[in-house]
Amino acid sequence: MRRTATGAFGIEEAVSLDTLEALPEDRRDSLLRPVDAVLTQLPEVVLEEGLAGRFCHGQTVTLASVPRGVSRVYTPFGQFL
């Protein structure tokens, strides 16, 4: 068996270790995906600054317009939390 996809990532986007090793170190980072790329199936929530601070300190943040459950959470500036 050969895995051809994992979630949203397909084999056509894969980079072999040989290719990666052949690249100059300063170009390798360009192949990295944002950490939240694996979470695109989750709802996105943007918190205002005050709530984002509370969230980052592990405090509960309750929003009426967001369903309960797991979400991708961002600051108003687009930073993934």
N, C-alpha and C. Protein backbone atom coordinates (compact mmCIF):
# COMPACT_ATOMS: atom_id res chain seq x y z
N MET A 1 0.84 -1.18 0.00
CA MET A 1 0.00 0.00 0.00
C MET A 1 0.89 1.24 0.00
N ARG A 2 0.36 2.29 -0.56
CA ARG A 2 1.05 3.57 -0.60
C ARG A 2 0.06 4.66 -0.26
N ARG A 3 0.39 5.46 0.73
CA ARG A 3 -0.48 6.57 1.10
C ARG A 3 -0.33 7.69 0.08
N THR A 4 -1.44 8.13 -0.48
CA THR A 4 -1.41 9.19 -1.50
C THR A 4 -1.99 10.50 -1.00
N ALA A 5 -2.56 10.49 0.20
CA ALA A 5 -3.11 11.71 0.77
C ALA A 5 -3.29 11.53 2.27
N THR A 6 -3.19 12.64 2.96
CA THR A 6 -3.50 12.71 4.37
C THR A 6 -4.26 14.01 4.59
N GLY A 7 -5.54 13.91 4.89
CA GLY A 7 -6.35 15.11 5.04
C GLY A 7 -6.34 15.90 3.74
N ALA A 8 -6.02 17.17 3.83
CA ALA A 8 -6.01 18.05 2.66
C ALA A 8 -4.70 17.98 1.88
N PHE A 9 -3.74 17.18 2.31
CA PHE A 9 -2.44 17.12 1.68
C PHE A 9 -2.34 15.91 0.76
N GLY A 10 -2.08 16.16 -0.52
CA GLY A 10 -1.96 15.09 -1.50
C GLY A 10 -0.51 14.82 -1.84
N ILE A 11 -0.27 13.67 -2.42
CA ILE A 11 1.08 13.24 -2.79
C ILE A 11 1.73 14.22 -3.78
N GLU A 12 0.92 14.88 -4.60
CA GLU A 12 1.47 15.82 -5.59
C GLU A 12 2.14 17.03 -4.93
N GLU A 13 1.84 17.27 -3.66
CA GLU A 13 2.46 18.38 -2.94
C GLU A 13 3.66 17.94 -2.11
N ALA A 14 3.91 16.64 -2.08
CA ALA A 14 5.00 16.11 -1.26
C ALA A 14 6.36 16.45 -1.87
N VAL A 15 7.35 16.52 -1.00
CA VAL A 15 8.73 16.77 -1.41
C VAL A 15 9.57 15.64 -0.85
N SER A 16 10.35 15.01 -1.71
CA SER A 16 11.18 13.90 -1.26
C SER A 16 12.32 14.41 -0.39
N LEU A 17 12.85 13.54 0.44
CA LEU A 17 13.99 13.92 1.28
C LEU A 17 15.19 14.29 0.43
N ASP A 18 15.39 13.58 -0.68
CA ASP A 18 16.50 13.91 -1.57
C ASP A 18 16.37 15.33 -2.12
N THR A 19 15.16 15.69 -2.54
CA THR A 19 14.92 17.04 -3.05
C THR A 19 15.14 18.07 -1.96
N LEU A 20 14.64 17.79 -0.79
CA LEU A 20 14.79 18.71 0.33
C LEU A 20 16.26 18.91 0.69
N GLU A 21 17.00 17.82 0.76
CA GLU A 21 18.43 17.92 1.08
C GLU A 21 19.22 18.66 0.01
N ALA A 22 18.77 18.59 -1.25
CA ALA A 22 19.47 19.25 -2.34
C ALA A 22 19.24 20.76 -2.36
N LEU A 23 18.18 21.21 -1.72
CA LEU A 23 17.89 22.64 -1.69
C LEU A 23 18.83 23.37 -0.74
N PRO A 24 19.20 24.60 -1.08
CA PRO A 24 19.95 25.41 -0.11
C PRO A 24 19.09 25.63 1.13
N GLU A 25 19.73 25.70 2.29
CA GLU A 25 18.97 25.83 3.54
C GLU A 25 18.02 27.02 3.54
N ASP A 26 18.41 28.12 2.93
CA ASP A 26 17.56 29.31 2.94
C ASP A 26 16.31 29.16 2.08
N ARG A 27 16.22 28.11 1.27
CA ARG A 27 15.02 27.87 0.46
C ARG A 27 14.10 26.82 1.07
N ARG A 28 14.58 26.07 2.04
CA ARG A 28 13.78 24.98 2.61
C ARG A 28 12.54 25.50 3.34
N ASP A 29 12.68 26.61 4.02
CA ASP A 29 11.54 27.15 4.76
C ASP A 29 10.37 27.51 3.85
N SER A 30 10.65 27.80 2.59
CA SER A 30 9.57 28.18 1.68
C SER A 30 8.63 27.00 1.41
N LEU A 31 9.07 25.79 1.74
CA LEU A 31 8.23 24.60 1.53
C LEU A 31 7.32 24.30 2.72
N LEU A 32 7.57 24.97 3.83
CA LEU A 32 6.75 24.73 5.02
C LEU A 32 5.37 25.33 4.85
N ARG A 33 4.38 24.66 5.41
CA ARG A 33 3.00 25.15 5.42
C ARG A 33 2.74 25.84 6.75
N PRO A 34 1.82 26.78 6.78
CA PRO A 34 1.44 27.37 8.07
C PRO A 34 0.90 26.28 8.99
N VAL A 35 1.12 26.43 10.27
CA VAL A 35 0.72 25.40 11.23
C VAL A 35 -0.78 25.13 11.20
N ASP A 36 -1.58 26.12 10.86
CA ASP A 36 -3.02 25.93 10.84
C ASP A 36 -3.53 25.34 9.52
N ALA A 37 -2.66 25.03 8.60
CA ALA A 37 -3.07 24.45 7.31
C ALA A 37 -3.78 23.11 7.48
N VAL A 38 -3.48 22.39 8.55
CA VAL A 38 -4.13 21.09 8.77
C VAL A 38 -5.51 21.23 9.40
N LEU A 39 -5.88 22.45 9.74
CA LEU A 39 -7.15 22.67 10.45
C LEU A 39 -8.21 23.36 9.60
N THR A 40 -8.04 23.40 8.31
CA THR A 40 -8.95 24.16 7.46
C THR A 40 -10.39 23.65 7.50
N GLN A 41 -10.60 22.42 7.93
CA GLN A 41 -11.96 21.88 8.01
C GLN A 41 -12.71 22.39 9.23
N LEU A 42 -12.00 23.01 10.17
CA LEU A 42 -12.63 23.55 11.39
C LEU A 42 -13.13 24.96 11.16
N PRO A 43 -14.18 25.36 11.88
CA PRO A 43 -14.66 26.75 11.76
C PRO A 43 -13.59 27.73 12.25
N GLU A 44 -13.55 28.89 11.62
CA GLU A 44 -12.59 29.94 11.99
C GLU A 44 -13.25 30.94 12.92
N VAL A 45 -12.54 31.28 14.00
CA VAL A 45 -13.02 32.28 14.95
C VAL A 45 -11.95 33.36 15.08
N VAL A 46 -12.36 34.61 14.95
CA VAL A 46 -11.44 35.73 15.14
C VAL A 46 -11.85 36.44 16.43
N LEU A 47 -10.91 36.50 17.37
CA LEU A 47 -11.18 37.13 18.66
C LEU A 47 -10.66 38.55 18.67
N GLU A 48 -11.42 39.45 19.30
CA GLU A 48 -10.91 40.80 19.48
C GLU A 48 -9.71 40.73 20.43
N GLU A 49 -8.90 41.77 20.46
CA GLU A 49 -7.63 41.74 21.20
C GLU A 49 -7.78 41.31 22.66
N GLY A 50 -8.73 41.87 23.37
CA GLY A 50 -8.90 41.54 24.78
C GLY A 50 -9.22 40.06 24.99
N LEU A 51 -10.11 39.55 24.17
CA LEU A 51 -10.47 38.14 24.28
C LEU A 51 -9.32 37.24 23.84
N ALA A 52 -8.56 37.67 22.84
CA ALA A 52 -7.41 36.89 22.39
C ALA A 52 -6.39 36.76 23.52
N GLY A 53 -6.19 37.82 24.27
CA GLY A 53 -5.28 37.78 25.42
C GLY A 53 -5.77 36.80 26.47
N ARG A 54 -7.05 36.84 26.77
CA ARG A 54 -7.61 35.89 27.75
C ARG A 54 -7.44 34.45 27.26
N PHE A 55 -7.73 34.24 25.99
CA PHE A 55 -7.61 32.91 25.40
C PHE A 55 -6.17 32.39 25.52
N CYS A 56 -5.21 33.26 25.23
CA CYS A 56 -3.79 32.87 25.29
C CYS A 56 -3.34 32.54 26.71
N HIS A 57 -4.05 33.06 27.69
CA HIS A 57 -3.71 32.77 29.10
C HIS A 57 -4.55 31.62 29.65
N GLY A 58 -5.23 30.90 28.77
CA GLY A 58 -5.96 29.71 29.18
C GLY A 58 -7.31 29.97 29.81
N GLN A 59 -7.78 31.20 29.72
CA GLN A 59 -9.08 31.53 30.30
C GLN A 59 -10.20 31.20 29.31
N THR A 60 -11.36 30.90 29.83
CA THR A 60 -12.51 30.59 29.00
C THR A 60 -12.98 31.83 28.25
N VAL A 61 -13.28 31.63 26.99
CA VAL A 61 -13.83 32.70 26.16
C VAL A 61 -15.14 32.18 25.59
N THR A 62 -16.23 32.86 25.90
CA THR A 62 -17.54 32.44 25.42
C THR A 62 -18.05 33.45 24.40
N LEU A 63 -18.43 32.94 23.25
CA LEU A 63 -18.97 33.78 22.18
C LEU A 63 -20.32 33.24 21.78
N ALA A 64 -21.31 34.10 21.72
CA ALA A 64 -22.67 33.68 21.40
C ALA A 64 -22.80 33.18 19.96
N SER A 65 -22.03 33.75 19.05
CA SER A 65 -22.22 33.43 17.63
C SER A 65 -21.39 32.24 17.14
N VAL A 66 -20.67 31.59 18.04
CA VAL A 66 -19.81 30.49 17.64
C VAL A 66 -20.33 29.20 18.26
N PRO A 67 -20.54 28.17 17.45
CA PRO A 67 -21.00 26.90 18.01
C PRO A 67 -19.95 26.29 18.93
N ARG A 68 -20.42 25.57 19.93
CA ARG A 68 -19.49 24.89 20.84
C ARG A 68 -18.68 23.86 20.07
N GLY A 69 -17.48 23.66 20.52
CA GLY A 69 -16.62 22.66 19.88
C GLY A 69 -15.27 23.24 19.54
N VAL A 70 -14.57 22.53 18.72
CA VAL A 70 -13.21 22.90 18.34
C VAL A 70 -13.25 23.85 17.15
N SER A 71 -12.43 24.89 17.20
CA SER A 71 -12.34 25.88 16.12
C SER A 71 -10.89 26.31 15.92
N ARG A 72 -10.63 26.91 14.77
CA ARG A 72 -9.35 27.60 14.55
C ARG A 72 -9.53 29.00 15.11
N VAL A 73 -8.60 29.46 15.94
CA VAL A 73 -8.75 30.76 16.60
C VAL A 73 -7.62 31.67 16.17
N TYR A 74 -8.01 32.91 15.83
CA TYR A 74 -7.06 33.92 15.32
C TYR A 74 -7.24 35.23 16.06
N THR A 75 -6.18 36.05 16.04
CA THR A 75 -6.27 37.43 16.53
C THR A 75 -6.91 38.26 15.42
N PRO A 76 -7.26 39.52 15.71
CA PRO A 76 -7.80 40.38 14.66
C PRO A 76 -6.79 40.63 13.54
N PHE A 77 -5.52 40.34 13.78
CA PHE A 77 -4.46 40.58 12.81
C PHE A 77 -4.10 39.33 12.01
N GLY A 78 -4.88 38.26 12.19
CA GLY A 78 -4.67 37.04 11.43
C GLY A 78 -3.67 36.07 12.01
N GLN A 79 -3.19 36.33 13.22
CA GLN A 79 -2.24 35.40 13.85
C GLN A 79 -2.99 34.22 14.43
N PHE A 80 -2.56 33.01 14.08
CA PHE A 80 -3.17 31.79 14.58
C PHE A 80 -2.79 31.60 16.03
N LEU A 81 -3.80 31.35 16.85
CA LEU A 81 -3.54 31.14 18.27
C LEU A 81 -3.60 29.67 18.60
